Structures are given as structure tokens and as C-alpha cells.
Amino acid sequence: MEMEKIVTQNVIETERFVLRPLRRSDMGLIEMYTSDLRVARNTQSIPHPIPPGMTEAFVARAMADEREEDVWAMDGLKSGGAEIMGLISLTRMDRNQSEVGYWVAPHFWNTGLASDAVQALVDANPMDNATMFASVFQDNPASARVLTHCGFEYLGDAEGFSVARDATVPTWTYSRKL
């Protein structure tokens, strides 16, 4: 019999917020924010409108022992903020690499939250990766600034499919050696 490896997920503390694993009680706020077209259209995987059961399935996958992606809530309760301000994730890749993904609720745009969350994840390097990658849609230059602010370097142009837009969208790809 082979023992299954249970992947643990660390809590990452910052001055403003905590990056913590998701819990079932997060589903309402996650669904409220991801139902906003402005959030969904800047991601590859969030449809618009959100179909019934999607948020519950997403949280269940994020909480599963066997998973390819670790997802953290940007929880601002420690500084009087909202319990969920956005999400950030790392998806495991081969060759000791991972891909960063994130979204921030519109109420918290232009506050430095995304930059602080990405930097906290880079500094903690919870998967002990050699490299992190990220891609952003070219019509979302604010996300590109987040990545360059956190030391990611531009690799090139590509394309990604946006479920919310039902279209292939030009992207910029970035990497960060750790």
C-alpha cells in the first residue's frame, strides 16, 4: 500500500492581511466578487455569469488533500479590513516551477493589495520553487505592473482563453527566479 502525501498549506502573514487557506465559509464572498464581470473577464477560468455550484466546487478543490493548486484568501480582518479581499494561488508545474494567479475585488483595486499579496507569496515561496510564472491579459496593464513591481521579468507575448469573454485574448508572460 502506498501512502498518499497530504499537501499542507501555510498561512502567510503580512502587515495588512493574512494569506490563508480557503474555508467553506468563504464561498459567499468569493461568489459575490467573482460574479462581477470586471473580475471574471481578467481571469482565464472564471465564467460570467457564475453557474450554480461552481464556487462550492472550486472551494472543495482548493481544500482537497490532493490538489495541483494552492489557493489563499487575502484576509484583511487583522487590520480591520474585509475577510476576503481577493484570492491568490500557485499551481504546481514540472521542473520545480509554479504559476501565480490572483484576483482582487474591485473595492480594493489601486490600493497595492495585489502587489503586497504577490510579494508575500514570492517571499514565502511556500512550494520552494526555483521559478514562478504568471501571465496577464494585455488589456489589464495594472496586473502587469503588479508583476514587474514584484521583480517578475517579461518573457513574451502569448494567448490565453478567457471563459468570461468566450474568446482567446493576447497575454504577456512573466517569470521570477527565486
N, C-alpha and C. Protein backbone atom coordinates (compact mmCIF):
# COMPACT_ATOMS: atom_id res chain seq x y z
N MET A 1 0.84 -1.17 0.00
CA MET A 1 0.00 0.00 0.00
C MET A 1 0.89 1.24 0.00
N GLU A 2 0.55 2.19 -0.85
CA GLU A 2 1.30 3.42 -0.96
C GLU A 2 0.62 4.51 -0.13
N MET A 3 1.42 5.21 0.66
CA MET A 3 0.89 6.30 1.48
C MET A 3 0.71 7.53 0.60
N GLU A 4 -0.45 8.15 0.69
CA GLU A 4 -0.70 9.38 -0.05
C GLU A 4 -0.06 10.55 0.69
N LYS A 5 0.54 11.43 -0.08
CA LYS A 5 1.14 12.62 0.51
C LYS A 5 0.06 13.69 0.64
N ILE A 6 -0.12 14.19 1.84
CA ILE A 6 -1.07 15.27 2.08
C ILE A 6 -0.31 16.59 2.00
N VAL A 7 -0.75 17.44 1.12
CA VAL A 7 -0.09 18.72 0.92
C VAL A 7 -0.65 19.71 1.94
N THR A 8 0.24 20.27 2.75
CA THR A 8 -0.20 21.28 3.70
C THR A 8 0.00 22.66 3.09
N GLN A 9 -0.74 23.60 3.57
CA GLN A 9 -0.69 24.94 3.04
C GLN A 9 -0.46 25.91 4.19
N ASN A 10 0.63 26.64 4.12
CA ASN A 10 1.00 27.57 5.17
C ASN A 10 0.15 28.84 5.15
N VAL A 11 0.00 29.43 6.32
CA VAL A 11 -0.56 30.78 6.45
C VAL A 11 0.61 31.74 6.29
N ILE A 12 0.42 32.79 5.51
CA ILE A 12 1.48 33.76 5.24
C ILE A 12 1.01 35.11 5.80
N GLU A 13 1.74 35.64 6.76
CA GLU A 13 1.38 36.89 7.44
C GLU A 13 2.04 38.09 6.76
N THR A 14 1.27 39.16 6.61
CA THR A 14 1.83 40.45 6.19
C THR A 14 1.34 41.49 7.21
N GLU A 15 1.78 42.72 7.06
CA GLU A 15 1.32 43.76 7.97
C GLU A 15 -0.16 44.05 7.80
N ARG A 16 -0.63 44.05 6.56
CA ARG A 16 -2.01 44.45 6.24
C ARG A 16 -3.02 43.31 6.28
N PHE A 17 -2.58 42.11 5.98
CA PHE A 17 -3.51 41.00 5.80
C PHE A 17 -2.79 39.68 6.01
N VAL A 18 -3.57 38.62 5.98
CA VAL A 18 -3.05 37.26 6.09
C VAL A 18 -3.46 36.52 4.82
N LEU A 19 -2.52 35.79 4.25
CA LEU A 19 -2.87 34.85 3.18
C LEU A 19 -3.12 33.53 3.88
N ARG A 20 -4.35 33.02 3.78
CA ARG A 20 -4.71 31.80 4.49
C ARG A 20 -5.45 30.87 3.54
N PRO A 21 -5.41 29.58 3.84
CA PRO A 21 -6.16 28.62 3.01
C PRO A 21 -7.65 28.95 3.03
N LEU A 22 -8.33 28.55 1.97
CA LEU A 22 -9.78 28.79 1.90
C LEU A 22 -10.51 27.90 2.89
N ARG A 23 -11.71 28.36 3.23
CA ARG A 23 -12.62 27.55 4.06
C ARG A 23 -14.02 27.69 3.47
N ARG A 24 -14.87 26.77 3.83
CA ARG A 24 -16.22 26.75 3.25
C ARG A 24 -16.98 28.07 3.48
N SER A 25 -16.74 28.71 4.59
CA SER A 25 -17.45 29.96 4.89
C SER A 25 -17.06 31.10 3.95
N ASP A 26 -16.03 30.92 3.13
CA ASP A 26 -15.60 31.94 2.18
C ASP A 26 -16.45 31.97 0.91
N MET A 27 -17.26 30.93 0.70
CA MET A 27 -17.96 30.78 -0.57
C MET A 27 -18.84 31.97 -0.94
N GLY A 28 -19.55 32.54 0.01
CA GLY A 28 -20.45 33.66 -0.30
C GLY A 28 -19.72 34.86 -0.85
N LEU A 29 -18.65 35.28 -0.18
CA LEU A 29 -17.89 36.44 -0.66
C LEU A 29 -17.17 36.15 -1.96
N ILE A 30 -16.62 34.94 -2.10
CA ILE A 30 -15.95 34.59 -3.35
C ILE A 30 -16.94 34.67 -4.50
N GLU A 31 -18.12 34.10 -4.31
CA GLU A 31 -19.12 34.14 -5.39
C GLU A 31 -19.59 35.56 -5.67
N MET A 32 -19.74 36.36 -4.64
CA MET A 32 -20.18 37.74 -4.85
C MET A 32 -19.15 38.49 -5.71
N TYR A 33 -17.87 38.37 -5.35
CA TYR A 33 -16.84 39.10 -6.09
C TYR A 33 -16.63 38.55 -7.49
N THR A 34 -16.60 37.22 -7.64
CA THR A 34 -16.33 36.64 -8.97
C THR A 34 -17.54 36.77 -9.90
N SER A 35 -18.70 37.09 -9.35
CA SER A 35 -19.87 37.34 -10.20
C SER A 35 -19.78 38.69 -10.90
N ASP A 36 -18.86 39.52 -10.48
CA ASP A 36 -18.64 40.83 -11.09
C ASP A 36 -17.87 40.62 -12.40
N LEU A 37 -18.43 41.05 -13.51
CA LEU A 37 -17.80 40.87 -14.81
C LEU A 37 -16.40 41.45 -14.86
N ARG A 38 -16.15 42.55 -14.14
CA ARG A 38 -14.82 43.17 -14.15
C ARG A 38 -13.77 42.22 -13.59
N VAL A 39 -14.13 41.39 -12.62
CA VAL A 39 -13.21 40.39 -12.06
C VAL A 39 -13.09 39.22 -13.03
N ALA A 40 -14.22 38.65 -13.44
CA ALA A 40 -14.21 37.45 -14.28
C ALA A 40 -13.46 37.68 -15.59
N ARG A 41 -13.63 38.79 -16.22
CA ARG A 41 -13.02 39.00 -17.54
C ARG A 41 -11.50 39.15 -17.48
N ASN A 42 -10.95 39.39 -16.31
CA ASN A 42 -9.49 39.49 -16.17
C ASN A 42 -8.84 38.18 -15.76
N THR A 43 -9.63 37.10 -15.73
CA THR A 43 -9.10 35.77 -15.43
C THR A 43 -9.36 34.86 -16.61
N GLN A 44 -8.63 33.76 -16.67
CA GLN A 44 -8.88 32.78 -17.71
C GLN A 44 -10.00 31.82 -17.33
N SER A 45 -10.21 31.58 -16.03
CA SER A 45 -11.06 30.46 -15.63
C SER A 45 -12.42 30.80 -15.03
N ILE A 46 -12.68 32.05 -14.73
CA ILE A 46 -13.96 32.39 -14.11
C ILE A 46 -14.98 32.74 -15.19
N PRO A 47 -16.08 31.97 -15.28
CA PRO A 47 -17.10 32.30 -16.27
C PRO A 47 -17.99 33.44 -15.79
N HIS A 48 -18.72 34.02 -16.73
CA HIS A 48 -19.72 35.02 -16.37
C HIS A 48 -20.96 34.77 -17.19
N PRO A 49 -22.09 34.54 -16.59
CA PRO A 49 -22.32 34.50 -15.14
C PRO A 49 -21.78 33.21 -14.51
N ILE A 50 -21.66 33.24 -13.19
CA ILE A 50 -21.19 32.08 -12.44
C ILE A 50 -22.31 31.02 -12.43
N PRO A 51 -22.02 29.81 -12.90
CA PRO A 51 -23.07 28.78 -12.87
C PRO A 51 -23.28 28.24 -11.45
N PRO A 52 -24.47 27.73 -11.17
CA PRO A 52 -24.75 27.17 -9.84
C PRO A 52 -23.75 26.06 -9.49
N GLY A 53 -23.27 26.10 -8.26
CA GLY A 53 -22.37 25.07 -7.76
C GLY A 53 -20.90 25.27 -8.08
N MET A 54 -20.57 26.24 -8.92
CA MET A 54 -19.18 26.42 -9.32
C MET A 54 -18.29 26.86 -8.15
N THR A 55 -18.75 27.80 -7.38
CA THR A 55 -17.94 28.29 -6.26
C THR A 55 -17.74 27.19 -5.24
N GLU A 56 -18.78 26.44 -4.94
CA GLU A 56 -18.66 25.33 -4.00
C GLU A 56 -17.65 24.30 -4.49
N ALA A 57 -17.68 23.97 -5.78
CA ALA A 57 -16.73 23.00 -6.35
C ALA A 57 -15.31 23.56 -6.30
N PHE A 58 -15.14 24.86 -6.57
CA PHE A 58 -13.82 25.48 -6.52
C PHE A 58 -13.24 25.40 -5.11
N VAL A 59 -14.03 25.77 -4.11
CA VAL A 59 -13.55 25.74 -2.72
C VAL A 59 -13.24 24.30 -2.31
N ALA A 60 -14.06 23.36 -2.71
CA ALA A 60 -13.80 21.94 -2.38
C ALA A 60 -12.48 21.49 -2.99
N ARG A 61 -12.20 21.86 -4.24
CA ARG A 61 -10.91 21.51 -4.87
C ARG A 61 -9.75 22.16 -4.12
N ALA A 62 -9.93 23.42 -3.72
CA ALA A 62 -8.86 24.14 -3.02
C ALA A 62 -8.57 23.55 -1.65
N MET A 63 -9.57 22.89 -1.05
CA MET A 63 -9.41 22.30 0.28
C MET A 63 -9.01 20.82 0.23
N ALA A 64 -8.99 20.23 -0.96
CA ALA A 64 -8.69 18.81 -1.10
C ALA A 64 -7.24 18.51 -0.72
N ASP A 65 -7.01 17.32 -0.14
CA ASP A 65 -5.64 16.92 0.20
C ASP A 65 -4.79 16.77 -1.05
N GLU A 66 -5.33 16.16 -2.09
CA GLU A 66 -4.62 16.02 -3.35
C GLU A 66 -5.09 17.11 -4.29
N ARG A 67 -4.21 18.05 -4.59
CA ARG A 67 -4.56 19.16 -5.46
C ARG A 67 -3.31 19.63 -6.18
N GLU A 68 -3.51 20.27 -7.29
CA GLU A 68 -2.40 20.82 -8.07
C GLU A 68 -2.22 22.31 -7.83
N GLU A 69 -3.21 22.92 -7.16
CA GLU A 69 -3.19 24.36 -6.95
C GLU A 69 -3.46 24.65 -5.48
N ASP A 70 -2.62 25.50 -4.89
CA ASP A 70 -2.88 26.00 -3.54
C ASP A 70 -3.47 27.40 -3.69
N VAL A 71 -4.58 27.63 -3.00
CA VAL A 71 -5.28 28.91 -3.09
C VAL A 71 -5.34 29.54 -1.70
N TRP A 72 -5.00 30.82 -1.63
CA TRP A 72 -5.05 31.57 -0.38
C TRP A 72 -6.05 32.71 -0.50
N ALA A 73 -6.77 32.97 0.57
CA ALA A 73 -7.62 34.15 0.67
C ALA A 73 -6.77 35.30 1.18
N MET A 74 -6.98 36.47 0.62
CA MET A 74 -6.38 37.69 1.15
C MET A 74 -7.35 38.18 2.23
N ASP A 75 -7.03 37.87 3.47
CA ASP A 75 -7.92 38.11 4.60
C ASP A 75 -7.43 39.33 5.38
N GLY A 76 -8.22 40.40 5.35
CA GLY A 76 -7.82 41.66 5.98
C GLY A 76 -8.36 41.89 7.37
N LEU A 77 -8.95 40.89 8.01
CA LEU A 77 -9.55 41.08 9.33
C LEU A 77 -8.55 41.60 10.36
N LYS A 78 -7.29 41.19 10.26
CA LYS A 78 -6.30 41.61 11.28
C LYS A 78 -6.09 43.12 11.33
N SER A 79 -6.39 43.80 10.22
CA SER A 79 -6.22 45.26 10.21
C SER A 79 -7.55 45.98 10.01
N GLY A 80 -8.64 45.30 10.35
CA GLY A 80 -9.96 45.92 10.24
C GLY A 80 -10.54 45.89 8.85
N GLY A 81 -9.94 45.11 7.96
CA GLY A 81 -10.44 45.02 6.58
C GLY A 81 -11.45 43.89 6.42
N ALA A 82 -11.74 43.58 5.18
CA ALA A 82 -12.69 42.53 4.85
C ALA A 82 -12.06 41.15 4.99
N GLU A 83 -12.91 40.17 5.26
CA GLU A 83 -12.43 38.79 5.42
C GLU A 83 -11.88 38.24 4.11
N ILE A 84 -12.48 38.62 3.01
CA ILE A 84 -11.97 38.24 1.69
C ILE A 84 -11.83 39.52 0.87
N MET A 85 -10.60 39.80 0.43
CA MET A 85 -10.36 40.95 -0.43
C MET A 85 -9.96 40.50 -1.83
N GLY A 86 -9.62 39.23 -1.95
CA GLY A 86 -9.21 38.64 -3.21
C GLY A 86 -8.63 37.27 -2.94
N LEU A 87 -8.21 36.61 -3.99
CA LEU A 87 -7.56 35.30 -3.87
C LEU A 87 -6.25 35.32 -4.64
N ILE A 88 -5.32 34.48 -4.20
CA ILE A 88 -4.05 34.30 -4.90
C ILE A 88 -3.73 32.82 -4.86
N SER A 89 -3.13 32.32 -5.92
CA SER A 89 -2.87 30.88 -6.00
C SER A 89 -1.52 30.58 -6.63
N LEU A 90 -1.06 29.37 -6.35
CA LEU A 90 0.11 28.80 -7.01
C LEU A 90 -0.30 27.45 -7.58
N THR A 91 -0.07 27.25 -8.86
CA THR A 91 -0.34 25.97 -9.50
C THR A 91 0.98 25.28 -9.74
N ARG A 92 1.10 24.03 -9.29
CA ARG A 92 2.33 23.27 -9.45
C ARG A 92 2.59 22.98 -10.92
N MET A 93 3.83 23.15 -11.31
CA MET A 93 4.28 22.83 -12.66
C MET A 93 5.48 21.87 -12.53
N ASP A 94 5.93 21.36 -13.64
CA ASP A 94 7.11 20.49 -13.59
C ASP A 94 8.38 21.32 -13.39
N ARG A 95 9.49 20.66 -13.19
CA ARG A 95 10.82 21.27 -13.03
C ARG A 95 10.88 22.32 -11.92
N ASN A 96 10.19 22.05 -10.80
CA ASN A 96 10.25 22.91 -9.62
C ASN A 96 9.80 24.34 -9.92
N GLN A 97 8.69 24.45 -10.64
CA GLN A 97 8.13 25.73 -11.01
C GLN A 97 6.66 25.79 -10.60
N SER A 98 6.13 27.00 -10.53
CA SER A 98 4.70 27.18 -10.27
C SER A 98 4.22 28.41 -11.03
N GLU A 99 2.89 28.47 -11.19
CA GLU A 99 2.28 29.61 -11.85
C GLU A 99 1.41 30.36 -10.85
N VAL A 100 1.62 31.67 -10.77
CA VAL A 100 0.87 32.54 -9.87
C VAL A 100 -0.40 33.02 -10.59
N GLY A 101 -1.50 33.00 -9.87
CA GLY A 101 -2.74 33.58 -10.36
C GLY A 101 -3.38 34.37 -9.23
N TYR A 102 -4.06 35.45 -9.54
CA TYR A 102 -4.68 36.24 -8.48
C TYR A 102 -5.80 37.09 -9.06
N TRP A 103 -6.71 37.44 -8.20
CA TRP A 103 -7.70 38.48 -8.50
C TRP A 103 -7.98 39.23 -7.20
N VAL A 104 -8.34 40.47 -7.34
CA VAL A 104 -8.66 41.34 -6.20
C VAL A 104 -10.06 41.91 -6.45
N ALA A 105 -10.87 41.95 -5.41
CA ALA A 105 -12.21 42.53 -5.51
C ALA A 105 -12.10 44.01 -5.91
N PRO A 106 -12.97 44.49 -6.80
CA PRO A 106 -12.86 45.87 -7.30
C PRO A 106 -12.78 46.94 -6.21
N HIS A 107 -13.45 46.71 -5.08
CA HIS A 107 -13.40 47.69 -3.98
C HIS A 107 -11.95 47.94 -3.51
N PHE A 108 -11.05 46.96 -3.72
CA PHE A 108 -9.68 47.06 -3.23
C PHE A 108 -8.67 47.33 -4.35
N TRP A 109 -9.15 47.62 -5.56
CA TRP A 109 -8.25 47.95 -6.65
C TRP A 109 -7.53 49.26 -6.33
N ASN A 110 -6.32 49.38 -6.83
CA ASN A 110 -5.50 50.59 -6.68
C ASN A 110 -5.13 50.88 -5.24
N THR A 111 -5.02 49.83 -4.42
CA THR A 111 -4.61 50.00 -3.02
C THR A 111 -3.25 49.34 -2.73
N GLY A 112 -2.66 48.70 -3.74
CA GLY A 112 -1.41 47.99 -3.53
C GLY A 112 -1.61 46.58 -3.01
N LEU A 113 -2.85 46.16 -2.84
CA LEU A 113 -3.13 44.84 -2.28
C LEU A 113 -2.56 43.72 -3.14
N ALA A 114 -2.78 43.77 -4.45
CA ALA A 114 -2.27 42.70 -5.33
C ALA A 114 -0.75 42.63 -5.26
N SER A 115 -0.08 43.77 -5.30
CA SER A 115 1.38 43.78 -5.22
C SER A 115 1.86 43.19 -3.89
N ASP A 116 1.21 43.58 -2.81
CA ASP A 116 1.60 43.06 -1.50
C ASP A 116 1.38 41.55 -1.42
N ALA A 117 0.28 41.06 -2.00
CA ALA A 117 -0.01 39.63 -1.95
C ALA A 117 0.99 38.83 -2.79
N VAL A 118 1.27 39.31 -4.00
CA VAL A 118 2.25 38.61 -4.84
C VAL A 118 3.62 38.63 -4.17
N GLN A 119 4.02 39.77 -3.62
CA GLN A 119 5.33 39.86 -2.96
C GLN A 119 5.40 38.93 -1.75
N ALA A 120 4.32 38.85 -0.98
CA ALA A 120 4.31 37.95 0.17
C ALA A 120 4.45 36.50 -0.26
N LEU A 121 3.81 36.14 -1.35
CA LEU A 121 3.91 34.77 -1.86
C LEU A 121 5.31 34.48 -2.38
N VAL A 122 5.91 35.45 -3.07
CA VAL A 122 7.29 35.30 -3.56
C VAL A 122 8.24 35.15 -2.38
N ASP A 123 8.10 36.02 -1.38
CA ASP A 123 9.00 35.98 -0.22
C ASP A 123 8.86 34.67 0.55
N ALA A 124 7.63 34.18 0.71
CA ALA A 124 7.41 32.94 1.47
C ALA A 124 7.80 31.71 0.65
N ASN A 125 7.63 31.78 -0.66
CA ASN A 125 7.93 30.67 -1.57
C ASN A 125 7.48 29.34 -0.96
N PRO A 126 6.18 29.19 -0.69
CA PRO A 126 5.69 28.03 0.06
C PRO A 126 5.90 26.68 -0.62
N MET A 127 6.10 26.67 -1.93
CA MET A 127 6.36 25.40 -2.63
C MET A 127 7.84 25.18 -2.86
N ASP A 128 8.65 26.09 -2.34
CA ASP A 128 10.11 26.02 -2.50
C ASP A 128 10.49 25.88 -3.97
N ASN A 129 9.89 26.72 -4.80
CA ASN A 129 10.12 26.69 -6.24
C ASN A 129 11.40 27.41 -6.63
N ALA A 130 11.93 27.03 -7.78
CA ALA A 130 13.07 27.73 -8.36
C ALA A 130 12.59 28.92 -9.19
N THR A 131 11.37 28.80 -9.76
CA THR A 131 10.83 29.83 -10.64
C THR A 131 9.32 29.92 -10.48
N MET A 132 8.80 31.13 -10.54
CA MET A 132 7.36 31.36 -10.61
C MET A 132 7.07 32.06 -11.92
N PHE A 133 5.95 31.70 -12.52
CA PHE A 133 5.48 32.31 -13.75
C PHE A 133 4.13 32.96 -13.50
N ALA A 134 3.77 33.87 -14.39
CA ALA A 134 2.43 34.46 -14.38
C ALA A 134 2.16 35.02 -15.76
N SER A 135 0.89 35.07 -16.13
CA SER A 135 0.52 35.75 -17.37
C SER A 135 -0.70 36.60 -17.09
N VAL A 136 -0.79 37.70 -17.82
CA VAL A 136 -1.91 38.63 -17.66
C VAL A 136 -2.41 39.01 -19.05
N PHE A 137 -3.69 39.32 -19.13
CA PHE A 137 -4.24 39.80 -20.39
C PHE A 137 -3.65 41.17 -20.70
N GLN A 138 -3.35 41.40 -21.98
CA GLN A 138 -2.71 42.65 -22.36
C GLN A 138 -3.60 43.87 -22.14
N ASP A 139 -4.89 43.68 -22.02
CA ASP A 139 -5.76 44.83 -21.74
C ASP A 139 -5.92 45.06 -20.23
N ASN A 140 -5.04 44.44 -19.44
CA ASN A 140 -5.03 44.63 -17.99
C ASN A 140 -3.62 45.04 -17.55
N PRO A 141 -3.17 46.23 -17.94
CA PRO A 141 -1.80 46.64 -17.61
C PRO A 141 -1.55 46.80 -16.11
N ALA A 142 -2.60 47.00 -15.31
CA ALA A 142 -2.41 47.10 -13.86
C ALA A 142 -1.83 45.80 -13.31
N SER A 143 -2.31 44.65 -13.80
CA SER A 143 -1.76 43.37 -13.34
C SER A 143 -0.32 43.19 -13.81
N ALA A 144 0.00 43.69 -14.98
CA ALA A 144 1.39 43.62 -15.45
C ALA A 144 2.30 44.45 -14.54
N ARG A 145 1.82 45.62 -14.10
CA ARG A 145 2.61 46.45 -13.18
C ARG A 145 2.81 45.75 -11.84
N VAL A 146 1.81 45.02 -11.37
CA VAL A 146 1.94 44.25 -10.13
C VAL A 146 3.13 43.30 -10.26
N LEU A 147 3.17 42.57 -11.35
CA LEU A 147 4.23 41.57 -11.53
C LEU A 147 5.61 42.22 -11.64
N THR A 148 5.75 43.28 -12.45
CA THR A 148 7.06 43.90 -12.59
C THR A 148 7.49 44.56 -11.28
N HIS A 149 6.53 45.10 -10.54
CA HIS A 149 6.82 45.68 -9.22
C HIS A 149 7.39 44.62 -8.28
N CYS A 150 6.97 43.38 -8.45
CA CYS A 150 7.42 42.28 -7.58
C CYS A 150 8.61 41.52 -8.16
N GLY A 151 9.27 42.09 -9.14
CA GLY A 151 10.51 41.51 -9.66
C GLY A 151 10.34 40.49 -10.77
N PHE A 152 9.14 40.33 -11.30
CA PHE A 152 8.94 39.43 -12.43
C PHE A 152 9.46 40.11 -13.69
N GLU A 153 10.04 39.30 -14.57
CA GLU A 153 10.57 39.83 -15.82
C GLU A 153 9.73 39.36 -16.99
N TYR A 154 9.55 40.25 -17.93
CA TYR A 154 8.75 39.95 -19.13
C TYR A 154 9.43 38.87 -19.95
N LEU A 155 8.67 37.85 -20.35
CA LEU A 155 9.19 36.77 -21.19
C LEU A 155 8.73 36.90 -22.63
N GLY A 156 7.47 37.29 -22.83
CA GLY A 156 6.97 37.41 -24.19
C GLY A 156 5.47 37.43 -24.25
N ASP A 157 4.98 37.52 -25.47
CA ASP A 157 3.55 37.55 -25.73
C ASP A 157 3.05 36.13 -25.98
N ALA A 158 1.81 35.90 -25.64
CA ALA A 158 1.16 34.62 -25.90
C ALA A 158 -0.34 34.90 -26.00
N GLU A 159 -1.13 33.85 -25.86
CA GLU A 159 -2.58 33.99 -25.84
C GLU A 159 -3.15 33.09 -24.77
N GLY A 160 -4.26 33.48 -24.19
CA GLY A 160 -4.97 32.66 -23.23
C GLY A 160 -6.45 32.76 -23.48
N PHE A 161 -7.17 31.70 -23.18
CA PHE A 161 -8.61 31.71 -23.39
C PHE A 161 -9.29 32.25 -22.14
N SER A 162 -10.18 33.20 -22.31
CA SER A 162 -10.97 33.75 -21.22
C SER A 162 -12.37 33.15 -21.30
N VAL A 163 -12.75 32.39 -20.28
CA VAL A 163 -14.08 31.79 -20.24
C VAL A 163 -15.15 32.88 -20.20
N ALA A 164 -14.93 33.93 -19.41
CA ALA A 164 -15.93 35.00 -19.30
C ALA A 164 -16.13 35.72 -20.63
N ARG A 165 -15.08 35.87 -21.40
CA ARG A 165 -15.17 36.57 -22.68
C ARG A 165 -15.53 35.62 -23.83
N ASP A 166 -15.37 34.31 -23.55
CA ASP A 166 -15.56 33.28 -24.58
C ASP A 166 -14.70 33.61 -25.80
N ALA A 167 -13.42 33.95 -25.51
CA ALA A 167 -12.52 34.36 -26.58
C ALA A 167 -11.07 34.12 -26.17
N THR A 168 -10.23 33.98 -27.17
CA THR A 168 -8.79 33.94 -26.95
C THR A 168 -8.31 35.39 -26.88
N VAL A 169 -7.49 35.67 -25.85
CA VAL A 169 -7.08 37.04 -25.58
C VAL A 169 -5.55 37.10 -25.52
N PRO A 170 -4.92 38.12 -26.13
CA PRO A 170 -3.47 38.26 -26.04
C PRO A 170 -3.01 38.43 -24.59
N THR A 171 -1.90 37.79 -24.24
CA THR A 171 -1.34 37.88 -22.88
C THR A 171 0.12 38.30 -22.92
N TRP A 172 0.59 38.76 -21.78
CA TRP A 172 2.00 38.97 -21.53
C TRP A 172 2.40 37.93 -20.49
N THR A 173 3.53 37.28 -20.67
CA THR A 173 4.01 36.26 -19.75
C THR A 173 5.25 36.77 -19.02
N TYR A 174 5.31 36.46 -17.72
CA TYR A 174 6.39 36.92 -16.86
C TYR A 174 6.95 35.75 -16.05
N SER A 175 8.22 35.88 -15.62
CA SER A 175 8.80 34.87 -14.72
C SER A 175 9.63 35.57 -13.66
N ARG A 176 9.82 34.83 -12.58
CA ARG A 176 10.64 35.31 -11.45
C ARG A 176 11.47 34.16 -10.94
N LYS A 177 12.79 34.28 -11.02
CA LYS A 177 13.70 33.29 -10.45
C LYS A 177 13.75 33.52 -8.94
N LEU A 178 13.75 32.44 -8.19
CA LEU A 178 13.75 32.55 -6.73
C LEU A 178 15.04 32.02 -6.14
